[in-house]
Amino acid sequence: MAAQRMGEPVESVQVSFPASRKPSICRDCDRSHRHGISVDNQDNFQRTGPPARVMYYFQGSWVDIPIRVVESLRSSFVQRRPVVVVPIHGSRYVFDFLRMVQTEFETGNQRSIAWIDDAKCCFFPRRFVEEIEERSLKRKREDLNEKLEDDEAEVSSSNDKQEAESKRRCLVPSTNDQEKSPWANVRLLEEGSKLYFRIKNSFLPALKSMSSFAPITGIHRCEWRGDLGLARFEVFQKKAEIVKAMRGASNTVYAWLGTSKKGLDSILARGFSSPININESGNYGVGVYFSSMEFPHLSATRSELDDNGEKHVILCRVILGSVEKVEFGSKQSHPSSVNFDTGVDDPRNPKWYVVWPFNMNTHVLPEFILSFKSSDGSKGSTGPSRGAACQKRSIVELFSKIRNALPPVKAQEVQNLYSVFRAGHLAKDLFAKKLRSITGDDVLLSMIREIRSSE
């Protein structure tokens, strides 16, 4: 009966499971079983490689899922996508590798899953369930508003607790709005709404001194509805609970993410699954960079013009957990120890948060998309904008010449220095002083004269 309700997704060899529930399937993975029930399911996905075998638990045995299905699941492990939807025998299933559960869409029924990776190491959940008959996902979607209202996860920002609570309540999806949007499950906010003004006023003040930015063209709200959307939301909520249990607080904040239109489309459709989302040459290691709520202009400078002359930034909820200071120029790509979860440029006055690639699909939930037009990309611009464009071209040409004239180590120093200056971490006079110390006055002046003579 249970197998029929789940659509009988497999026909393969059964692996018997001993009554003691202390299996010894392979020598190589004795470490995994020795810790047994103390090993958290979340850690399994973080430690594993791509699976060679994937199994589900049925009638006291672990049953192999067909190899053709396993092949479609392997890419999720490579890309670190914790949730994936796979069609099997006419039915659709959600594979949640963090919770180690397989869920059928139509019924909401669940089974435990396990896997053996290419290194022959075995990963089993803490507890095994043959099948859980739960409420259907349709009922779960109806309950989502109520769950959000009862959510007790902390939301930290520069505002006080009352303001944070107001923001949290505004995240409850509305099923009555049918506004058109360029993205699925994303709704355009009305310009006269309180939520629109709250987000607008959080973004614009920091940009007053930046003449290259024009008014906001639209603010959209992400509504995590639908089967995959709900699964993604639940993964984030579950991770917040786990971090809170481990650290005493989830330390969840709102933060800005600047990206391209291509990057935005990818994030909304598939999560952080592409290298386009990861800053591999960033100032503070390899990861996804978020500017704190007070510094939206930093992320705005990382956004890129689309074909319509618009730029986009995403306001996300980010689970920071325990943060560690990451030094400028670091090549770090993961926590330095088990005591930390994310990176930060300055723990006392953070401008940048760094979410490591391993956590980018569990610690981040996009909430709002803010679109704006930049006069840098306007056609037919004149006056100050034209002068700014000429100055920008001169700077680009200058740094191109510097890179060609200096040894690779020195050229990299200049590139890092310029990145810090553009991010707003360095005053203009100090930037000029440091640049001269790296290149030398003679070289720098010679290049400047050469550029001016060619204009």
Protein backbone atom coordinates (compact mmCIF):
# COMPACT_ATOMS: atom_id res chain seq x y z
CA MET A 1 0.00 0.00 0.00
CA ALA A 2 2.69 2.44 0.98
CA ALA A 3 4.66 1.70 -2.14
CA GLN A 4 1.59 2.28 -4.30
CA ARG A 5 0.81 5.61 -2.69
CA MET A 6 4.31 6.83 -3.44
CA GLY A 7 4.02 5.87 -7.10
CA GLU A 8 6.51 2.97 -6.84
CA PRO A 9 9.46 5.07 -8.03
CA VAL A 10 12.01 2.25 -7.85
CA GLU A 11 12.63 -1.30 -8.88
CA SER A 12 16.02 -2.47 -7.69
CA VAL A 13 18.09 -4.41 -5.20
CA GLN A 14 17.07 -4.22 -1.54
CA VAL A 15 19.70 -3.63 1.12
CA SER A 16 18.59 -5.26 4.38
CA PHE A 17 18.84 -3.15 7.48
CA PRO A 18 19.89 -4.94 10.71
CA ALA A 19 17.52 -4.84 13.68
CA SER A 20 20.18 -3.11 15.77
CA ARG A 21 20.05 -0.18 13.33
CA LYS A 22 23.82 0.04 13.34
CA PRO A 23 24.57 -0.90 9.74
CA SER A 24 27.98 -1.68 8.34
CA ILE A 25 27.47 -1.37 4.63
CA CYS A 26 31.06 -0.46 3.79
CA ARG A 27 34.41 -0.29 5.53
CA ASP A 28 35.23 3.15 4.15
CA CYS A 29 32.34 4.84 5.92
CA ASP A 30 32.71 3.39 9.42
CA ARG A 31 33.17 6.95 10.68
CA SER A 32 29.67 7.86 9.54
CA HIS A 33 27.99 4.99 11.39
CA ARG A 34 30.18 5.13 14.46
CA HIS A 35 28.72 8.54 15.32
CA GLY A 36 25.26 7.16 14.52
CA ILE A 37 22.40 9.20 15.78
CA SER A 38 24.58 12.16 16.81
CA VAL A 39 25.35 12.98 13.17
CA ASP A 40 22.96 15.68 11.99
CA ASN A 41 21.30 15.20 8.62
CA GLN A 42 22.45 18.69 7.60
CA ASP A 43 26.08 17.67 8.00
CA ASN A 44 25.60 14.70 5.68
CA PHE A 45 24.87 16.90 2.67
CA GLN A 46 27.77 19.21 3.52
CA ARG A 47 30.30 16.37 3.81
CA THR A 48 29.26 14.19 0.92
CA GLY A 49 30.39 13.97 -2.66
CA PRO A 50 28.11 13.13 -5.62
CA PRO A 51 26.15 9.92 -4.93
CA ALA A 52 26.85 6.67 -6.70
CA ARG A 53 23.73 5.13 -5.14
CA VAL A 54 20.59 6.69 -3.66
CA MET A 55 18.13 4.62 -1.61
CA TYR A 56 14.80 4.99 0.17
CA TYR A 57 13.62 3.16 3.30
CA PHE A 58 10.79 0.64 2.85
CA GLN A 59 9.66 -2.34 4.97
CA GLY A 60 12.85 -2.47 7.02
CA SER A 61 15.17 -2.28 4.02
CA TRP A 62 16.96 0.36 1.99
CA VAL A 63 15.82 0.08 -1.64
CA ASP A 64 17.93 1.40 -4.50
CA ILE A 65 16.51 4.15 -6.67
CA PRO A 66 17.07 3.48 -10.41
CA ILE A 67 20.38 4.65 -11.79
CA ARG A 68 18.69 6.93 -14.36
CA VAL A 69 17.14 8.88 -11.46
CA VAL A 70 20.44 8.93 -9.56
CA GLU A 71 22.12 10.50 -12.59
CA SER A 72 19.64 13.38 -12.50
CA LEU A 73 20.28 13.84 -8.77
CA ARG A 74 24.08 13.96 -9.00
CA SER A 75 24.14 17.47 -10.48
CA SER A 76 22.35 18.78 -7.38
CA PHE A 77 25.22 17.58 -5.21
CA VAL A 78 27.82 19.11 -7.52
CA GLN A 79 25.99 22.45 -7.57
CA ARG A 80 25.11 22.23 -3.85
CA ARG A 81 21.39 22.49 -4.50
CA PRO A 82 19.73 21.00 -1.40
CA VAL A 83 16.29 20.61 -2.97
CA VAL A 84 15.43 19.23 -6.41
CA VAL A 85 12.23 18.12 -8.15
CA VAL A 86 12.40 14.91 -10.22
CA PRO A 87 9.62 13.23 -12.26
CA ILE A 88 9.40 9.47 -11.71
CA HIS A 89 6.83 7.21 -13.42
CA GLY A 90 4.46 10.09 -14.10
CA SER A 91 4.63 11.54 -10.58
CA ARG A 92 6.76 14.38 -9.25
CA TYR A 93 8.95 14.08 -6.17
CA VAL A 94 10.87 16.58 -4.08
CA PHE A 95 14.24 15.28 -2.92
CA ASP A 96 15.31 17.25 0.16
CA PHE A 97 18.93 16.27 0.83
CA LEU A 98 19.25 18.40 3.97
CA ARG A 99 16.34 16.68 5.69
CA MET A 100 17.09 13.43 3.81
CA VAL A 101 13.47 13.06 2.78
CA GLN A 102 11.67 12.23 -0.47
CA THR A 103 8.21 13.84 -0.79
CA GLU A 104 5.47 13.07 -3.31
CA PHE A 105 3.76 16.22 -4.62
CA GLU A 106 0.18 14.99 -4.85
CA THR A 107 -0.12 13.36 -1.43
CA GLY A 108 2.66 15.01 0.57
CA ASN A 109 3.74 11.51 1.70
CA GLN A 110 7.39 11.21 2.69
CA ARG A 111 10.11 8.59 2.95
CA SER A 112 13.62 8.71 4.33
CA ILE A 113 16.44 8.62 1.80
CA ALA A 114 20.13 7.75 2.09
CA TRP A 115 23.04 7.55 -0.31
CA ILE A 116 26.56 6.24 -0.88
CA ASP A 117 28.88 8.67 -2.62
CA ASP A 118 31.65 8.09 -5.16
CA ALA A 119 34.17 7.69 -2.31
CA LYS A 120 32.04 4.78 -0.99
CA CYS A 121 31.12 6.71 2.13
CA CYS A 122 27.59 6.11 3.41
CA PHE A 123 25.15 8.75 4.62
CA PHE A 124 22.03 7.78 6.53
CA PRO A 125 19.49 9.97 8.38
CA ARG A 126 19.31 10.11 12.15
CA ARG A 127 15.87 8.47 12.14
CA PHE A 128 14.29 6.36 9.42
CA VAL A 129 10.67 6.56 8.34
CA GLU A 130 9.13 4.08 5.93
CA GLU A 131 6.48 6.56 4.92
CA ILE A 132 4.92 9.55 6.60
CA GLU A 133 1.40 10.37 5.53
CA GLU A 134 1.34 14.11 5.99
CA ARG A 135 -0.99 16.87 4.86
CA SER A 136 -0.77 17.49 1.14
CA LEU A 137 1.43 20.29 -0.08
CA LYS A 138 -1.74 22.11 -1.09
CA ARG A 139 -2.77 22.22 2.56
CA LYS A 140 0.77 23.29 3.48
CA ARG A 141 0.51 26.22 1.11
CA GLU A 142 -2.76 27.26 2.75
CA ASP A 143 -1.05 27.14 6.14
CA LEU A 144 1.97 29.18 5.03
CA ASN A 145 0.53 32.54 6.10
CA GLU A 146 -0.20 31.21 9.57
CA LYS A 147 3.26 29.68 9.88
CA LEU A 148 4.94 32.93 8.95
CA GLU A 149 2.89 34.92 11.45
CA ASP A 150 3.87 32.51 14.21
CA ASP A 151 7.53 32.41 13.22
CA GLU A 152 9.80 33.42 16.10
CA ALA A 153 13.08 33.61 14.17
CA GLU A 154 15.03 36.76 14.96
CA VAL A 155 15.43 39.48 12.33
CA SER A 156 18.33 41.86 13.00
CA SER A 157 18.91 45.19 11.23
CA SER A 158 19.68 48.79 12.07
CA ASN A 159 16.05 49.31 13.07
CA ASP A 160 14.66 48.47 16.50
CA LYS A 161 12.77 45.27 17.27
CA GLN A 162 9.40 46.82 16.49
CA GLU A 163 10.55 47.80 13.01
CA ALA A 164 12.00 44.33 12.47
CA GLU A 165 8.69 42.78 13.51
CA SER A 166 6.83 45.01 11.07
CA LYS A 167 9.14 43.91 8.26
CA ARG A 168 8.69 40.27 9.15
CA ARG A 169 4.90 40.54 9.05
CA CYS A 170 5.08 42.14 5.63
CA LEU A 171 6.68 38.98 4.25
CA VAL A 172 3.41 37.03 4.47
CA PRO A 173 2.45 36.13 0.90
CA SER A 174 -0.89 37.30 -0.48
CA THR A 175 -2.86 35.02 -2.79
CA ASN A 176 -5.23 37.80 -3.91
CA ASP A 177 -2.69 39.83 -5.89
CA GLN A 178 -2.48 39.11 -9.60
CA GLU A 179 0.02 41.76 -10.64
CA LYS A 180 2.13 40.87 -13.65
CA SER A 181 5.82 40.33 -13.06
CA PRO A 182 8.82 39.39 -15.21
CA TRP A 183 9.53 36.52 -12.78
CA ALA A 184 7.43 33.63 -11.52
CA ASN A 185 6.04 33.86 -7.96
CA VAL A 186 7.11 37.50 -7.71
CA ARG A 187 4.60 40.36 -7.34
CA LEU A 188 4.97 44.08 -8.02
CA LEU A 189 4.35 46.23 -4.94
CA GLU A 190 2.03 49.21 -5.19
CA GLU A 191 3.93 52.49 -5.04
CA GLY A 192 1.54 53.87 -2.44
CA SER A 193 1.91 50.97 -0.01
CA LYS A 194 3.71 51.29 3.32
CA LEU A 195 5.99 48.39 2.43
CA TYR A 196 7.04 50.09 -0.81
CA PHE A 197 7.98 53.29 1.01
CA ARG A 198 9.80 51.40 3.76
CA ILE A 199 12.06 49.61 1.29
CA LYS A 200 12.49 52.70 -0.89
CA ASN A 201 13.52 54.79 2.12
CA SER A 202 16.02 52.12 3.14
CA PHE A 203 17.64 52.26 -0.28
CA LEU A 204 17.61 55.85 -1.57
CA PRO A 205 19.20 57.86 1.29
CA ALA A 206 22.53 56.08 0.84
CA LEU A 207 22.53 57.00 -2.86
CA LYS A 208 21.93 60.75 -2.55
CA SER A 209 25.58 61.56 -3.14
CA MET A 210 25.78 59.23 -6.15
CA SER A 211 24.51 61.22 -9.14
CA SER A 212 24.71 58.18 -11.41
CA PHE A 213 21.53 56.70 -9.93
CA ALA A 214 17.98 57.63 -10.96
CA PRO A 215 14.67 56.94 -9.17
CA ILE A 216 13.41 53.44 -8.45
CA THR A 217 11.46 51.86 -11.30
CA GLY A 218 9.85 49.06 -9.32
CA ILE A 219 9.93 46.88 -6.21
CA HIS A 220 8.83 43.25 -6.39
CA ARG A 221 8.16 40.86 -3.53
CA CYS A 222 9.12 37.18 -3.71
CA GLU A 223 6.26 34.88 -2.76
CA TRP A 224 7.51 31.38 -2.03
CA ARG A 225 4.46 29.52 -3.27
CA GLY A 226 4.25 26.42 -5.36
CA ASP A 227 5.87 23.10 -4.65
CA LEU A 228 9.52 24.01 -5.13
CA GLY A 229 9.06 27.47 -3.62
CA LEU A 230 7.56 26.06 -0.46
CA ALA A 231 10.35 23.49 -0.19
CA ARG A 232 12.94 26.25 -0.56
CA PHE A 233 11.25 28.33 2.12
CA GLU A 234 11.10 25.37 4.51
CA VAL A 235 14.80 24.60 4.01
CA PHE A 236 15.63 28.17 5.05
CA GLN A 237 13.33 28.00 8.09
CA LYS A 238 14.77 24.66 9.15
CA LYS A 239 18.33 25.96 8.81
CA ALA A 240 17.48 28.99 10.96
CA GLU A 241 16.19 26.64 13.67
CA ILE A 242 19.33 24.51 13.50
CA VAL A 243 21.68 27.50 13.69
CA LYS A 244 19.67 28.92 16.59
CA ALA A 245 19.95 25.62 18.45
CA MET A 246 23.71 25.48 17.84
CA ARG A 247 24.61 29.14 18.43
CA GLY A 248 21.86 30.36 20.75
CA ALA A 249 20.59 32.74 18.03
CA SER A 250 20.18 32.41 14.29
CA ASN A 251 21.41 36.00 13.84
CA THR A 252 19.18 36.50 10.81
CA VAL A 253 19.52 39.91 9.13
CA TYR A 254 18.31 41.74 6.07
CA ALA A 255 21.06 42.47 3.55
CA TRP A 256 21.43 43.66 -0.05
CA LEU A 257 22.75 41.62 -2.98
CA GLY A 258 23.84 43.25 -6.24
CA THR A 259 23.81 41.13 -9.38
CA SER A 260 23.15 41.09 -13.11
CA LYS A 261 19.80 40.34 -14.74
CA LYS A 262 21.16 36.91 -15.67
CA GLY A 263 22.26 36.34 -12.09
CA LEU A 264 18.87 37.45 -10.76
CA ASP A 265 17.00 35.11 -13.09
CA SER A 266 19.21 32.22 -12.00
CA ILE A 267 18.80 32.94 -8.28
CA LEU A 268 15.01 33.09 -8.48
CA ALA A 269 14.65 30.02 -10.69
CA ARG A 270 17.31 27.67 -9.34
CA GLY A 271 18.89 29.27 -6.30
CA PHE A 272 22.60 30.03 -6.05
CA SER A 273 23.63 27.31 -8.47
CA SER A 274 25.86 29.16 -10.92
CA PRO A 275 29.37 30.64 -10.62
CA ILE A 276 27.82 33.95 -11.69
CA ASN A 277 26.47 34.26 -8.14
CA ILE A 278 29.85 33.74 -6.50
CA ASN A 279 32.50 36.44 -6.23
CA GLU A 280 35.72 34.53 -6.78
CA SER A 281 37.92 37.62 -6.90
CA GLY A 282 36.29 39.49 -4.04
CA ASN A 283 38.01 41.45 -1.34
CA TYR A 284 37.04 39.11 1.48
CA GLY A 285 37.30 35.60 0.13
CA VAL A 286 35.28 33.43 -2.24
CA GLY A 287 31.56 33.60 -1.58
CA VAL A 288 28.33 35.49 -2.11
CA TYR A 289 28.65 39.13 -1.00
CA PHE A 290 25.85 41.00 0.79
CA SER A 291 26.07 44.60 1.97
CA SER A 292 24.44 45.39 5.30
CA MET A 293 21.09 47.16 5.45
CA GLU A 294 22.75 50.56 5.95
CA PHE A 295 24.97 50.29 2.84
CA PRO A 296 22.76 49.42 -0.15
CA HIS A 297 24.92 51.54 -2.46
CA LEU A 298 27.79 49.06 -2.07
CA SER A 299 25.70 46.28 -3.59
CA ALA A 300 24.27 48.70 -6.15
CA THR A 301 27.78 49.23 -7.51
CA ARG A 302 28.04 45.47 -8.09
CA SER A 303 24.81 45.32 -10.11
CA GLU A 304 24.89 45.42 -13.90
CA LEU A 305 22.76 47.17 -16.51
CA ASP A 306 20.23 44.99 -18.33
CA ASP A 307 18.92 45.51 -21.86
CA ASN A 308 16.34 48.02 -20.58
CA GLY A 309 18.95 50.19 -18.88
CA GLU A 310 17.88 48.97 -15.43
CA LYS A 311 19.90 47.63 -12.54
CA HIS A 312 18.63 45.31 -9.81
CA VAL A 313 19.46 44.60 -6.17
CA ILE A 314 17.87 41.91 -4.02
CA LEU A 315 16.93 42.42 -0.39
CA CYS A 316 17.47 39.06 1.27
CA ARG A 317 17.11 37.44 4.64
CA VAL A 318 20.51 36.03 5.54
CA ILE A 319 21.29 33.61 8.37
CA LEU A 320 24.63 34.80 9.72
CA GLY A 321 24.93 32.54 12.75
CA SER A 322 28.38 33.02 14.24
CA VAL A 323 30.39 35.50 12.15
CA GLU A 324 34.16 35.75 11.84
CA LYS A 325 36.29 38.63 10.61
CA VAL A 326 37.78 37.98 7.18
CA GLU A 327 40.88 39.96 6.31
CA PHE A 328 41.04 41.96 3.10
CA GLY A 329 42.63 40.02 0.26
CA SER A 330 41.76 36.67 1.85
CA LYS A 331 41.22 33.63 -0.38
CA GLN A 332 39.04 31.96 2.25
CA SER A 333 36.10 29.96 0.89
CA HIS A 334 34.73 28.27 4.02
CA PRO A 335 34.58 28.84 7.79
CA SER A 336 37.98 28.78 9.46
CA SER A 337 36.59 26.47 12.16
CA VAL A 338 33.39 24.79 13.31
CA ASN A 339 32.76 27.79 15.55
CA PHE A 340 31.82 30.06 12.62
CA ASP A 341 29.19 30.13 9.89
CA THR A 342 29.75 33.28 7.80
CA GLY A 343 32.33 36.00 7.19
CA VAL A 344 32.25 39.76 7.76
CA ASP A 345 34.62 42.63 6.96
CA ASP A 346 34.18 44.34 10.35
CA PRO A 347 32.26 42.63 13.19
CA ARG A 348 31.60 45.96 14.95
CA ASN A 349 30.52 47.97 11.92
CA PRO A 350 29.84 45.50 9.11
CA LYS A 351 29.58 46.67 5.54
CA TRP A 352 30.01 43.28 3.86
CA TYR A 353 28.73 39.84 4.83
CA VAL A 354 30.17 36.82 3.04
CA VAL A 355 28.12 33.63 2.75
CA TRP A 356 30.40 30.75 1.80
CA PRO A 357 29.46 28.70 -1.31
CA PHE A 358 28.62 25.69 0.86
CA ASN A 359 25.83 27.60 2.61
CA MET A 360 24.52 29.84 -0.15
CA ASN A 361 21.34 27.78 -0.75
CA THR A 362 20.47 27.25 2.90
CA HIS A 363 21.40 30.54 4.57
CA VAL A 364 19.81 32.97 2.09
CA LEU A 365 16.18 33.69 1.19
CA PRO A 366 15.49 36.47 -1.37
CA GLU A 367 12.57 38.64 -0.25
CA PHE A 368 12.40 41.77 -2.44
CA ILE A 369 13.79 42.87 -5.82
CA LEU A 370 14.46 46.58 -6.21
CA SER A 371 14.96 47.85 -9.77
CA PHE A 372 16.31 51.26 -10.71
CA LYS A 373 17.71 53.07 -13.74
CA SER A 374 21.25 54.33 -13.94
CA SER A 375 22.06 57.44 -15.94
CA ASP A 376 25.40 55.80 -16.80
CA GLY A 377 23.55 53.61 -19.27
CA SER A 378 21.15 56.21 -20.70
CA LYS A 379 21.37 56.96 -24.37
CA GLY A 380 21.99 60.51 -25.47
CA SER A 381 23.13 61.72 -22.05
CA THR A 382 25.00 65.01 -21.92
CA GLY A 383 26.61 67.37 -19.46
CA PRO A 384 27.90 65.86 -16.20
CA SER A 385 26.97 62.32 -17.26
CA ARG A 386 29.08 62.58 -20.39
CA GLY A 387 32.00 63.93 -18.36
CA ALA A 388 31.63 61.10 -15.87
CA ALA A 389 31.65 58.58 -18.72
CA CYS A 390 34.87 60.09 -20.11
CA GLN A 391 36.44 60.01 -16.67
CA LYS A 392 35.42 56.38 -16.25
CA ARG A 393 37.02 55.47 -19.59
CA SER A 394 40.22 57.27 -18.56
CA ILE A 395 40.37 55.34 -15.29
CA VAL A 396 39.81 52.03 -17.06
CA GLU A 397 42.56 52.88 -19.55
CA LEU A 398 44.91 53.94 -16.75
CA PHE A 399 44.52 50.68 -14.87
CA SER A 400 44.91 48.70 -18.06
CA LYS A 401 48.25 50.42 -18.67
CA ILE A 402 49.31 49.91 -15.05
CA ARG A 403 48.61 46.17 -15.24
CA ASN A 404 50.69 45.90 -18.40
CA ALA A 405 53.59 47.95 -17.01
CA LEU A 406 53.93 46.42 -13.54
CA PRO A 407 54.97 42.95 -12.40
CA PRO A 408 52.00 40.61 -11.75
CA VAL A 409 52.26 40.93 -7.96
CA LYS A 410 52.24 44.74 -8.11
CA ALA A 411 49.43 44.74 -10.67
CA GLN A 412 47.31 42.58 -8.35
CA GLU A 413 47.98 45.00 -5.49
CA VAL A 414 46.68 47.85 -7.63
CA GLN A 415 43.58 45.85 -8.60
CA ASN A 416 42.81 45.02 -4.97
CA LEU A 417 43.33 48.64 -3.94
CA TYR A 418 40.95 49.88 -6.63
CA SER A 419 38.30 47.32 -5.58
CA VAL A 420 38.48 48.59 -1.99
CA PHE A 421 38.16 52.19 -3.20
CA ARG A 422 35.14 51.42 -5.40
CA ALA A 423 33.45 49.57 -2.54
CA GLY A 424 33.65 52.73 -0.43
CA HIS A 425 36.20 51.43 2.07
CA LEU A 426 38.91 53.97 1.21
CA ALA A 427 38.94 57.78 0.98
CA LYS A 428 40.00 59.31 -2.34
CA ASP A 429 43.13 61.00 -0.98
CA LEU A 430 44.28 57.84 0.77
CA PHE A 431 43.60 55.83 -2.38
CA ALA A 432 45.80 58.19 -4.43
CA LYS A 433 48.56 58.02 -1.82
CA LYS A 434 48.57 54.21 -1.73
CA LEU A 435 48.44 54.00 -5.52
CA ARG A 436 51.52 56.21 -5.83
CA SER A 437 53.36 54.08 -3.27
CA ILE A 438 52.73 50.94 -5.34
CA THR A 439 53.43 52.28 -8.84
CA GLY A 440 55.94 55.02 -8.07
CA ASP A 441 55.46 58.66 -9.07
CA ASP A 442 57.40 58.46 -12.33
CA VAL A 443 55.44 55.52 -13.73
CA LEU A 444 52.06 56.90 -12.68
CA LEU A 445 52.68 60.42 -14.03
CA SER A 446 54.01 59.04 -17.29
CA MET A 447 50.85 57.00 -17.85
CA ILE A 448 48.56 59.89 -16.96
CA ARG A 449 50.33 62.18 -19.44
CA GLU A 450 50.09 59.51 -22.13
CA ILE A 451 46.34 59.16 -21.64
CA ARG A 452 45.74 62.92 -21.63
CA SER A 453 47.73 63.42 -24.81
CA SER A 454 45.59 60.85 -26.61
CA GLU A 455 42.26 62.45 -25.60
